[in-house]
PDB file of N, CA and C in Angstrom:
ATOM      1  N   UNK A   1     -11.308 -47.677  60.500  1.00  0.00           N
ATOM      2  CA  UNK A   1     -10.131 -46.960  60.084  1.00  0.00           C
ATOM      3  C   UNK A   1      -9.895 -45.850  61.108  1.00  0.00           C
ATOM      4  N   UNK A   2      -8.679 -45.676  61.499  1.00  0.00           N
ATOM      5  CA  UNK A   2      -8.361 -44.679  62.516  1.00  0.00           C
ATOM      6  C   UNK A   2      -8.366 -43.277  61.903  1.00  0.00           C
ATOM      7  N   UNK A   3      -8.408 -42.308  62.774  1.00  0.00           N
ATOM      8  CA  UNK A   3      -8.434 -40.906  62.339  1.00  0.00           C
ATOM      9  C   UNK A   3      -7.149 -40.543  61.590  1.00  0.00           C
ATOM     10  N   UNK A   4      -6.035 -41.067  62.040  1.00  0.00           N
ATOM     11  CA  UNK A   4      -4.746 -40.798  61.402  1.00  0.00           C
ATOM     12  C   UNK A   4      -4.703 -41.396  59.996  1.00  0.00           C
ATOM     13  N   UNK A   5      -5.227 -42.585  59.827  1.00  0.00           N
ATOM     14  CA  UNK A   5      -5.254 -43.227  58.514  1.00  0.00           C
ATOM     15  C   UNK A   5      -6.166 -42.474  57.564  1.00  0.00           C
ATOM     16  N   UNK A   6      -7.290 -41.967  58.059  1.00  0.00           N
ATOM     17  CA  UNK A   6      -8.206 -41.178  57.219  1.00  0.00           C
ATOM     18  C   UNK A   6      -7.530 -39.891  56.745  1.00  0.00           C
ATOM     19  N   UNK A   7      -6.767 -39.252  57.630  1.00  0.00           N
ATOM     20  CA  UNK A   7      -6.066 -38.028  57.256  1.00  0.00           C
ATOM     21  C   UNK A   7      -5.023 -38.305  56.175  1.00  0.00           C
ATOM     22  N   UNK A   8      -4.291 -39.411  56.336  1.00  0.00           N
ATOM     23  CA  UNK A   8      -3.294 -39.777  55.330  1.00  0.00           C
ATOM     24  C   UNK A   8      -3.941 -40.080  53.989  1.00  0.00           C
ATOM     25  N   UNK A   9      -5.069 -40.817  54.011  1.00  0.00           N
ATOM     26  CA  UNK A   9      -5.774 -41.151  52.776  1.00  0.00           C
ATOM     27  C   UNK A   9      -6.305 -39.890  52.098  1.00  0.00           C
ATOM     28  N   UNK A  10      -6.878 -38.974  52.874  1.00  0.00           N
ATOM     29  CA  UNK A  10      -7.370 -37.713  52.311  1.00  0.00           C
ATOM     30  C   UNK A  10      -6.234 -36.887  51.729  1.00  0.00           C
ATOM     31  N   UNK A  11      -5.080 -36.887  52.389  1.00  0.00           N
ATOM     32  CA  UNK A  11      -3.930 -36.169  51.877  1.00  0.00           C
ATOM     33  C   UNK A  11      -3.465 -36.760  50.551  1.00  0.00           C
ATOM     34  N   UNK A  12      -3.391 -38.073  50.475  1.00  0.00           N
ATOM     35  CA  UNK A  12      -2.968 -38.744  49.235  1.00  0.00           C
ATOM     36  C   UNK A  12      -3.957 -38.441  48.114  1.00  0.00           C
ATOM     37  N   UNK A  13      -5.240 -38.478  48.404  1.00  0.00           N
ATOM     38  CA  UNK A  13      -6.259 -38.175  47.395  1.00  0.00           C
ATOM     39  C   UNK A  13      -6.122 -36.728  46.932  1.00  0.00           C
ATOM     40  N   UNK A  14      -5.894 -35.805  47.855  1.00  0.00           N
ATOM     41  CA  UNK A  14      -5.723 -34.399  47.484  1.00  0.00           C
ATOM     42  C   UNK A  14      -4.489 -34.196  46.610  1.00  0.00           C
ATOM     43  N   UNK A  15      -3.392 -34.862  46.947  1.00  0.00           N
ATOM     44  CA  UNK A  15      -2.163 -34.735  46.159  1.00  0.00           C
ATOM     45  C   UNK A  15      -2.378 -35.293  44.754  1.00  0.00           C
ATOM     46  N   UNK A  16      -3.011 -36.450  44.646  1.00  0.00           N
ATOM     47  CA  UNK A  16      -3.287 -37.041  43.336  1.00  0.00           C
ATOM     48  C   UNK A  16      -4.193 -36.117  42.529  1.00  0.00           C
ATOM     49  N   UNK A  17      -5.189 -35.534  43.164  1.00  0.00           N
ATOM     50  CA  UNK A  17      -6.113 -34.607  42.499  1.00  0.00           C
ATOM     51  C   UNK A  17      -5.350 -33.406  41.937  1.00  0.00           C
ATOM     52  N   UNK A  18      -4.470 -32.817  42.744  1.00  0.00           N
ATOM     53  CA  UNK A  18      -3.702 -31.659  42.302  1.00  0.00           C
ATOM     54  C   UNK A  18      -2.762 -32.040  41.163  1.00  0.00           C
ATOM     55  N   UNK A  19      -2.125 -33.199  41.246  1.00  0.00           N
ATOM     56  CA  UNK A  19      -1.212 -33.653  40.190  1.00  0.00           C
ATOM     57  C   UNK A  19      -1.973 -33.871  38.881  1.00  0.00           C
ATOM     58  N   UNK A  20      -3.164 -34.440  38.956  1.00  0.00           N
ATOM     59  CA  UNK A  20      -3.976 -34.655  37.752  1.00  0.00           C
ATOM     60  C   UNK A  20      -4.373 -33.314  37.139  1.00  0.00           C
ATOM     61  N   UNK A  21      -4.806 -32.364  37.956  1.00  0.00           N
ATOM     62  CA  UNK A  21      -5.184 -31.040  37.451  1.00  0.00           C
ATOM     63  C   UNK A  21      -3.984 -30.359  36.788  1.00  0.00           C
ATOM     64  N   UNK A  22      -2.832 -30.404  37.422  1.00  0.00           N
ATOM     65  CA  UNK A  22      -1.629 -29.801  36.842  1.00  0.00           C
ATOM     66  C   UNK A  22      -1.267 -30.504  35.528  1.00  0.00           C
ATOM     67  N   UNK A  23      -1.415 -31.817  35.478  1.00  0.00           N
ATOM     68  CA  UNK A  23      -1.131 -32.559  34.246  1.00  0.00           C
ATOM     69  C   UNK A  23      -2.069 -32.177  33.112  1.00  0.00           C
ATOM     70  N   UNK A  24      -3.338 -32.011  33.420  1.00  0.00           N
ATOM     71  CA  UNK A  24      -4.316 -31.610  32.392  1.00  0.00           C
ATOM     72  C   UNK A  24      -4.008 -30.209  31.889  1.00  0.00           C
ATOM     73  N   UNK A  25      -3.696 -29.297  32.794  1.00  0.00           N
ATOM     74  CA  UNK A  25      -3.363 -27.927  32.392  1.00  0.00           C
ATOM     75  C   UNK A  25      -2.092 -27.923  31.540  1.00  0.00           C
ATOM     76  N   UNK A  26      -1.094 -28.693  31.914  1.00  0.00           N
ATOM     77  CA  UNK A  26       0.147 -28.764  31.144  1.00  0.00           C
ATOM     78  C   UNK A  26      -0.102 -29.313  29.738  1.00  0.00           C
ATOM     79  N   UNK A  27      -0.878 -30.391  29.650  1.00  0.00           N
ATOM     80  CA  UNK A  27      -1.186 -30.976  28.340  1.00  0.00           C
ATOM     81  C   UNK A  27      -1.981 -30.003  27.476  1.00  0.00           C
ATOM     82  N   UNK A  28      -2.933 -29.304  28.083  1.00  0.00           N
ATOM     83  CA  UNK A  28      -3.724 -28.317  27.333  1.00  0.00           C
ATOM     84  C   UNK A  28      -2.828 -27.193  26.833  1.00  0.00           C
ATOM     85  N   UNK A  29      -1.893 -26.769  27.663  1.00  0.00           N
ATOM     86  CA  UNK A  29      -0.962 -25.715  27.257  1.00  0.00           C
ATOM     87  C   UNK A  29      -0.076 -26.177  26.097  1.00  0.00           C
ATOM     88  N   UNK A  30       0.381 -27.410  26.161  1.00  0.00           N
ATOM     89  CA  UNK A  30       1.267 -27.939  25.123  1.00  0.00           C
ATOM     90  C   UNK A  30       0.571 -28.102  23.775  1.00  0.00           C
ATOM     91  N   UNK A  31      -0.706 -28.484  23.771  1.00  0.00           N
ATOM     92  CA  UNK A  31      -1.402 -28.723  22.506  1.00  0.00           C
ATOM     93  C   UNK A  31      -2.237 -27.528  22.063  1.00  0.00           C
ATOM     94  N   UNK A  32      -2.209 -26.432  22.823  1.00  0.00           N
ATOM     95  CA  UNK A  32      -3.006 -25.263  22.460  1.00  0.00           C
ATOM     96  C   UNK A  32      -2.596 -24.727  21.096  1.00  0.00           C
ATOM     97  N   UNK A  33      -1.319 -24.785  20.761  1.00  0.00           N
ATOM     98  CA  UNK A  33      -0.860 -24.321  19.457  1.00  0.00           C
ATOM     99  C   UNK A  33      -1.449 -25.122  18.312  1.00  0.00           C
ATOM    100  N   UNK A  34      -1.767 -26.368  18.562  1.00  0.00           N
ATOM    101  CA  UNK A  34      -2.376 -27.207  17.537  1.00  0.00           C
ATOM    102  C   UNK A  34      -3.879 -26.988  17.449  1.00  0.00           C
ATOM    103  N   UNK A  35      -4.500 -26.635  18.552  1.00  0.00           N
ATOM    104  CA  UNK A  35      -5.956 -26.533  18.605  1.00  0.00           C
ATOM    105  C   UNK A  35      -6.466 -25.137  18.244  1.00  0.00           C
ATOM    106  N   UNK A  36      -5.683 -24.102  18.491  1.00  0.00           N
ATOM    107  CA  UNK A  36      -6.161 -22.733  18.329  1.00  0.00           C
ATOM    108  C   UNK A  36      -6.654 -22.414  16.912  1.00  0.00           C
ATOM    109  N   UNK A  37      -6.059 -22.910  15.823  1.00  0.00           N
ATOM    110  CA  UNK A  37      -6.626 -22.624  14.497  1.00  0.00           C
ATOM    111  C   UNK A  37      -8.036 -23.193  14.335  1.00  0.00           C
ATOM    112  N   UNK A  38      -8.288 -24.345  14.923  1.00  0.00           N
ATOM    113  CA  UNK A  38      -9.616 -24.938  14.827  1.00  0.00           C
ATOM    114  C   UNK A  38     -10.626 -24.155  15.654  1.00  0.00           C
ATOM    115  N   UNK A  39     -10.205 -23.628  16.784  1.00  0.00           N
ATOM    116  CA  UNK A  39     -11.091 -22.817  17.607  1.00  0.00           C
ATOM    117  C   UNK A  39     -11.431 -21.524  16.878  1.00  0.00           C
ATOM    118  N   UNK A  40     -10.456 -20.909  16.229  1.00  0.00           N
ATOM    119  CA  UNK A  40     -10.700 -19.684  15.461  1.00  0.00           C
ATOM    120  C   UNK A  40     -11.636 -19.973  14.292  1.00  0.00           C
ATOM    121  N   UNK A  41     -11.419 -21.082  13.600  1.00  0.00           N
ATOM    122  CA  UNK A  41     -12.297 -21.446  12.484  1.00  0.00           C
ATOM    123  C   UNK A  41     -13.723 -21.683  12.961  1.00  0.00           C
ATOM    124  N   UNK A  42     -13.876 -22.349  14.088  1.00  0.00           N
ATOM    125  CA  UNK A  42     -15.205 -22.587  14.645  1.00  0.00           C
ATOM    126  C   UNK A  42     -15.887 -21.274  15.000  1.00  0.00           C
ATOM    127  N   UNK A  43     -15.141 -20.338  15.558  1.00  0.00           N
ATOM    128  CA  UNK A  43     -15.707 -19.034  15.903  1.00  0.00           C
ATOM    129  C   UNK A  43     -16.126 -18.275  14.646  1.00  0.00           C
ATOM    130  N   UNK A  44     -15.319 -18.340  13.594  1.00  0.00           N
ATOM    131  CA  UNK A  44     -15.678 -17.661  12.345  1.00  0.00           C
ATOM    132  C   UNK A  44     -16.918 -18.280  11.706  1.00  0.00           C
ATOM    133  N   UNK A  45     -17.012 -19.588  11.743  1.00  0.00           N
ATOM    134  CA  UNK A  45     -18.199 -20.261  11.195  1.00  0.00           C
ATOM    135  C   UNK A  45     -19.437 -19.842  11.979  1.00  0.00           C
ATOM    136  N   UNK A  46     -19.337 -19.823  13.292  1.00  0.00           N
ATOM    137  CA  UNK A  46     -20.467 -19.416  14.123  1.00  0.00           C
ATOM    138  C   UNK A  46     -20.833 -17.959  13.881  1.00  0.00           C
ATOM    139  N   UNK A  47     -19.849 -17.140  13.577  1.00  0.00           N
ATOM    140  CA  UNK A  47     -20.091 -15.729  13.322  1.00  0.00           C
ATOM    141  C   UNK A  47     -20.750 -15.498  11.964  1.00  0.00           C
ATOM    142  N   UNK A  48     -20.328 -16.213  10.936  1.00  0.00           N
ATOM    143  CA  UNK A  48     -20.815 -15.975   9.582  1.00  0.00           C
ATOM    144  C   UNK A  48     -22.046 -16.790   9.199  1.00  0.00           C
ATOM    145  N   UNK A  49     -22.361 -17.827   9.924  1.00  0.00           N
ATOM    146  CA  UNK A  49     -23.501 -18.667   9.562  1.00  0.00           C
ATOM    147  C   UNK A  49     -24.826 -17.893   9.524  1.00  0.00           C
ATOM    148  N   UNK A  50     -25.132 -17.028  10.499  1.00  0.00           N
ATOM    149  CA  UNK A  50     -26.379 -16.259  10.389  1.00  0.00           C
ATOM    150  C   UNK A  50     -26.408 -15.334   9.168  1.00  0.00           C
ATOM    151  N   UNK A  51     -25.256 -14.754   8.825  1.00  0.00           N
ATOM    152  CA  UNK A  51     -25.189 -13.880   7.646  1.00  0.00           C
ATOM    153  C   UNK A  51     -25.445 -14.693   6.378  1.00  0.00           C
ATOM    154  N   UNK A  52     -24.844 -15.857   6.294  1.00  0.00           N
ATOM    155  CA  UNK A  52     -25.018 -16.718   5.119  1.00  0.00           C
ATOM    156  C   UNK A  52     -26.464 -17.184   5.009  1.00  0.00           C
ATOM    157  N   UNK A  53     -27.070 -17.566   6.112  1.00  0.00           N
ATOM    158  CA  UNK A  53     -28.471 -17.990   6.087  1.00  0.00           C
ATOM    159  C   UNK A  53     -29.392 -16.845   5.679  1.00  0.00           C
ATOM    160  N   UNK A  54     -29.121 -15.634   6.171  1.00  0.00           N
ATOM    161  CA  UNK A  54     -29.938 -14.475   5.819  1.00  0.00           C
ATOM    162  C   UNK A  54     -29.859 -14.184   4.322  1.00  0.00           C
ATOM    163  N   UNK A  55     -28.645 -14.178   3.778  1.00  0.00           N
ATOM    164  CA  UNK A  55     -28.484 -13.916   2.346  1.00  0.00           C
ATOM    165  C   UNK A  55     -29.141 -15.022   1.528  1.00  0.00           C
ATOM    166  N   UNK A  56     -29.019 -16.260   1.983  1.00  0.00           N
ATOM    167  CA  UNK A  56     -29.632 -17.389   1.276  1.00  0.00           C
ATOM    168  C   UNK A  56     -31.157 -17.252   1.246  1.00  0.00           C
ATOM    169  N   UNK A  57     -31.742 -16.864   2.362  1.00  0.00           N
ATOM    170  CA  UNK A  57     -33.211 -16.700   2.405  1.00  0.00           C
ATOM    171  C   UNK A  57     -33.683 -15.553   1.523  1.00  0.00           C
ATOM    172  N   UNK A  58     -32.944 -14.445   1.521  1.00  0.00           N
ATOM    173  CA  UNK A  58     -33.380 -13.263   0.781  1.00  0.00           C
ATOM    174  C   UNK A  58     -33.118 -13.368  -0.723  1.00  0.00           C
ATOM    175  N   UNK A  59     -31.955 -13.891  -1.104  1.00  0.00           N
ATOM    176  CA  UNK A  59     -31.574 -13.891  -2.515  1.00  0.00           C
ATOM    177  C   UNK A  59     -31.723 -15.242  -3.203  1.00  0.00           C
ATOM    178  N   UNK A  60     -31.989 -16.299  -2.444  1.00  0.00           N
ATOM    179  CA  UNK A  60     -32.150 -17.649  -2.987  1.00  0.00           C
ATOM    180  C   UNK A  60     -30.933 -18.096  -3.797  1.00  0.00           C
ATOM    181  N   UNK A  61     -29.737 -17.776  -3.283  1.00  0.00           N
ATOM    182  CA  UNK A  61     -28.485 -18.197  -3.905  1.00  0.00           C
ATOM    183  C   UNK A  61     -27.973 -19.403  -3.130  1.00  0.00           C
ATOM    184  N   UNK A  62     -27.289 -20.293  -3.822  1.00  0.00           N
ATOM    185  CA  UNK A  62     -26.730 -21.483  -3.211  1.00  0.00           C
ATOM    186  C   UNK A  62     -25.834 -21.095  -2.027  1.00  0.00           C
ATOM    187  N   UNK A  63     -25.960 -21.816  -0.916  1.00  0.00           N
ATOM    188  CA  UNK A  63     -25.192 -21.491   0.285  1.00  0.00           C
ATOM    189  C   UNK A  63     -23.690 -21.688   0.093  1.00  0.00           C
ATOM    190  N   UNK A  64     -23.305 -22.633  -0.753  1.00  0.00           N
ATOM    191  CA  UNK A  64     -21.875 -22.846  -1.001  1.00  0.00           C
ATOM    192  C   UNK A  64     -21.252 -21.624  -1.674  1.00  0.00           C
ATOM    193  N   UNK A  65     -21.968 -21.027  -2.610  1.00  0.00           N
ATOM    194  CA  UNK A  65     -21.469 -19.845  -3.301  1.00  0.00           C
ATOM    195  C   UNK A  65     -21.373 -18.673  -2.331  1.00  0.00           C
ATOM    196  N   UNK A  66     -22.393 -18.506  -1.500  1.00  0.00           N
ATOM    197  CA  UNK A  66     -22.381 -17.430  -0.518  1.00  0.00           C
ATOM    198  C   UNK A  66     -21.236 -17.629   0.473  1.00  0.00           C
ATOM    199  N   UNK A  67     -21.040 -18.852   0.917  1.00  0.00           N
ATOM    200  CA  UNK A  67     -19.951 -19.143   1.862  1.00  0.00           C
ATOM    201  C   UNK A  67     -18.599 -18.818   1.245  1.00  0.00           C
ATOM    202  N   UNK A  68     -18.395 -19.205  -0.008  1.00  0.00           N
ATOM    203  CA  UNK A  68     -17.129 -18.910  -0.684  1.00  0.00           C
ATOM    204  C   UNK A  68     -16.933 -17.402  -0.813  1.00  0.00           C
ATOM    205  N   UNK A  69     -18.001 -16.687  -1.115  1.00  0.00           N
ATOM    206  CA  UNK A  69     -17.902 -15.236  -1.252  1.00  0.00           C
ATOM    207  C   UNK A  69     -17.584 -14.583   0.097  1.00  0.00           C
ATOM    208  N   UNK A  70     -18.216 -15.045   1.150  1.00  0.00           N
ATOM    209  CA  UNK A  70     -17.961 -14.479   2.482  1.00  0.00           C
ATOM    210  C   UNK A  70     -16.527 -14.753   2.915  1.00  0.00           C
ATOM    211  N   UNK A  71     -16.040 -15.961   2.663  1.00  0.00           N
ATOM    212  CA  UNK A  71     -14.647 -16.287   3.018  1.00  0.00           C
ATOM    213  C   UNK A  71     -13.691 -15.446   2.184  1.00  0.00           C
ATOM    214  N   UNK A  72     -13.992 -15.269   0.898  1.00  0.00           N
ATOM    215  CA  UNK A  72     -13.138 -14.431   0.051  1.00  0.00           C
ATOM    216  C   UNK A  72     -13.118 -12.996   0.562  1.00  0.00           C
ATOM    217  N   UNK A  73     -14.281 -12.473   0.947  1.00  0.00           N
ATOM    218  CA  UNK A  73     -14.333 -11.118   1.498  1.00  0.00           C
ATOM    219  C   UNK A  73     -13.550 -11.020   2.807  1.00  0.00           C
ATOM    220  N   UNK A  74     -13.612 -12.065   3.600  1.00  0.00           N
ATOM    221  CA  UNK A  74     -12.850 -12.081   4.845  1.00  0.00           C
ATOM    222  C   UNK A  74     -11.354 -12.005   4.557  1.00  0.00           C
ATOM    223  N   UNK A  75     -10.873 -12.820   3.616  1.00  0.00           N
ATOM    224  CA  UNK A  75      -9.459 -12.799   3.267  1.00  0.00           C
ATOM    225  C   UNK A  75      -9.049 -11.455   2.664  1.00  0.00           C
ATOM    226  N   UNK A  76      -9.896 -10.907   1.807  1.00  0.00           N
ATOM    227  CA  UNK A  76      -9.594  -9.608   1.200  1.00  0.00           C
ATOM    228  C   UNK A  76      -9.524  -8.533   2.278  1.00  0.00           C
ATOM    229  N   UNK A  77     -10.481  -8.559   3.203  1.00  0.00           N
ATOM    230  CA  UNK A  77     -10.484  -7.573   4.281  1.00  0.00           C
ATOM    231  C   UNK A  77      -9.273  -7.709   5.189  1.00  0.00           C
ATOM    232  N   UNK A  78      -8.943  -8.928   5.571  1.00  0.00           N
ATOM    233  CA  UNK A  78      -7.781  -9.148   6.436  1.00  0.00           C
ATOM    234  C   UNK A  78      -6.490  -8.761   5.719  1.00  0.00           C
ATOM    235  N   UNK A  79      -6.383  -9.122   4.444  1.00  0.00           N
ATOM    236  CA  UNK A  79      -5.198  -8.748   3.671  1.00  0.00           C
ATOM    237  C   UNK A  79      -5.075  -7.250   3.509  1.00  0.00           C
ATOM    238  N   UNK A  80      -6.195  -6.586   3.268  1.00  0.00           N
ATOM    239  CA  UNK A  80      -6.178  -5.131   3.134  1.00  0.00           C
ATOM    240  C   UNK A  80      -5.774  -4.459   4.445  1.00  0.00           C
ATOM    241  N   UNK A  81      -6.282  -4.971   5.549  1.00  0.00           N
ATOM    242  CA  UNK A  81      -5.934  -4.424   6.859  1.00  0.00           C
ATOM    243  C   UNK A  81      -4.448  -4.601   7.149  1.00  0.00           C
ATOM    244  N   UNK A  82      -3.925  -5.769   6.871  1.00  0.00           N
ATOM    245  CA  UNK A  82      -2.494  -6.019   7.094  1.00  0.00           C
ATOM    246  C   UNK A  82      -1.650  -5.130   6.189  1.00  0.00           C
ATOM    247  N   UNK A  83      -2.049  -5.005   4.924  1.00  0.00           N
ATOM    248  CA  UNK A  83      -1.326  -4.143   3.997  1.00  0.00           C
ATOM    249  C   UNK A  83      -1.336  -2.702   4.485  1.00  0.00           C
ATOM    250  N   UNK A  84      -2.504  -2.217   4.924  1.00  0.00           N
ATOM    251  CA  UNK A  84      -2.622  -0.846   5.407  1.00  0.00           C
ATOM    252  C   UNK A  84      -1.737  -0.617   6.633  1.00  0.00           C
ATOM    253  N   UNK A  85      -1.750  -1.576   7.572  1.00  0.00           N
ATOM    254  CA  UNK A  85      -0.927  -1.435   8.768  1.00  0.00           C
ATOM    255  C   UNK A  85       0.565  -1.416   8.422  1.00  0.00           C
ATOM    256  N   UNK A  86       0.990  -2.283   7.533  1.00  0.00           N
ATOM    257  CA  UNK A  86       2.395  -2.311   7.126  1.00  0.00           C
ATOM    258  C   UNK A  86       2.765  -1.000   6.439  1.00  0.00           C
ATOM    259  N   UNK A  87       1.891  -0.478   5.593  1.00  0.00           N
ATOM    260  CA  UNK A  87       2.172   0.786   4.915  1.00  0.00           C
ATOM    261  C   UNK A  87       2.245   1.944   5.909  1.00  0.00           C
ATOM    262  N   UNK A  88       1.379   1.942   6.906  1.00  0.00           N
ATOM    263  CA  UNK A  88       1.419   3.000   7.912  1.00  0.00           C
ATOM    264  C   UNK A  88       2.720   2.947   8.711  1.00  0.00           C
ATOM    265  N   UNK A  89       3.142   1.757   9.071  1.00  0.00           N
ATOM    266  CA  UNK A  89       4.408   1.607   9.798  1.00  0.00           C
ATOM    267  C   UNK A  89       5.569   2.012   8.907  1.00  0.00           C
ATOM    268  N   UNK A  90       5.534   1.617   7.645  1.00  0.00           N
ATOM    269  CA  UNK A  90       6.589   1.972   6.701  1.00  0.00           C
ATOM    270  C   UNK A  90       6.677   3.483   6.520  1.00  0.00           C
ATOM    271  N   UNK A  91       5.536   4.127   6.319  1.00  0.00           N
ATOM    272  CA  UNK A  91       5.518   5.568   6.130  1.00  0.00           C
ATOM    273  C   UNK A  91       5.927   6.320   7.402  1.00  0.00           C
ATOM    274  N   UNK A  92       5.623   5.749   8.537  1.00  0.00           N
ATOM    275  CA  UNK A  92       5.995   6.372   9.808  1.00  0.00           C
ATOM    276  C   UNK A  92       7.505   6.418   9.959  1.00  0.00           C
ATOM    277  N   UNK A  93       8.198   5.375   9.537  1.00  0.00           N
ATOM    278  CA  UNK A  93       9.651   5.326   9.683  1.00  0.00           C
ATOM    279  C   UNK A  93      10.395   5.980   8.525  1.00  0.00           C
ATOM    280  N   UNK A  94       9.738   6.156   7.384  1.00  0.00           N
ATOM    281  CA  UNK A  94      10.375   6.800   6.236  1.00  0.00           C
ATOM    282  C   UNK A  94      10.432   8.312   6.453  1.00  0.00           C
ATOM    283  N   UNK A  95       9.376   8.885   6.982  1.00  0.00           N
ATOM    284  CA  UNK A  95       9.320  10.361   7.115  1.00  0.00           C
ATOM    285  C   UNK A  95      10.094  10.849   8.257  1.00  0.00           C
TER     286      UNK A  95
END
């Protein structure tokens, strides 16, 4: 194979490589909205699993009950935080 043909082949391979990378990034960007809730859920599970295991070992309570309680506390905390922030913004504009 001549030097010129090798350069052309390498160029074509590089272009295909770049197009594939751009395609993967585009597809990941398009489906990120669908995947992000699962990533957040996975992070929360990884965060709370040691706490649930610790409580289970110390108190000998069923892990399902502890998990439900931890999730309920998470929702209560998040709801309270959102409520507090909305009230602070409301009071800021009322006064």
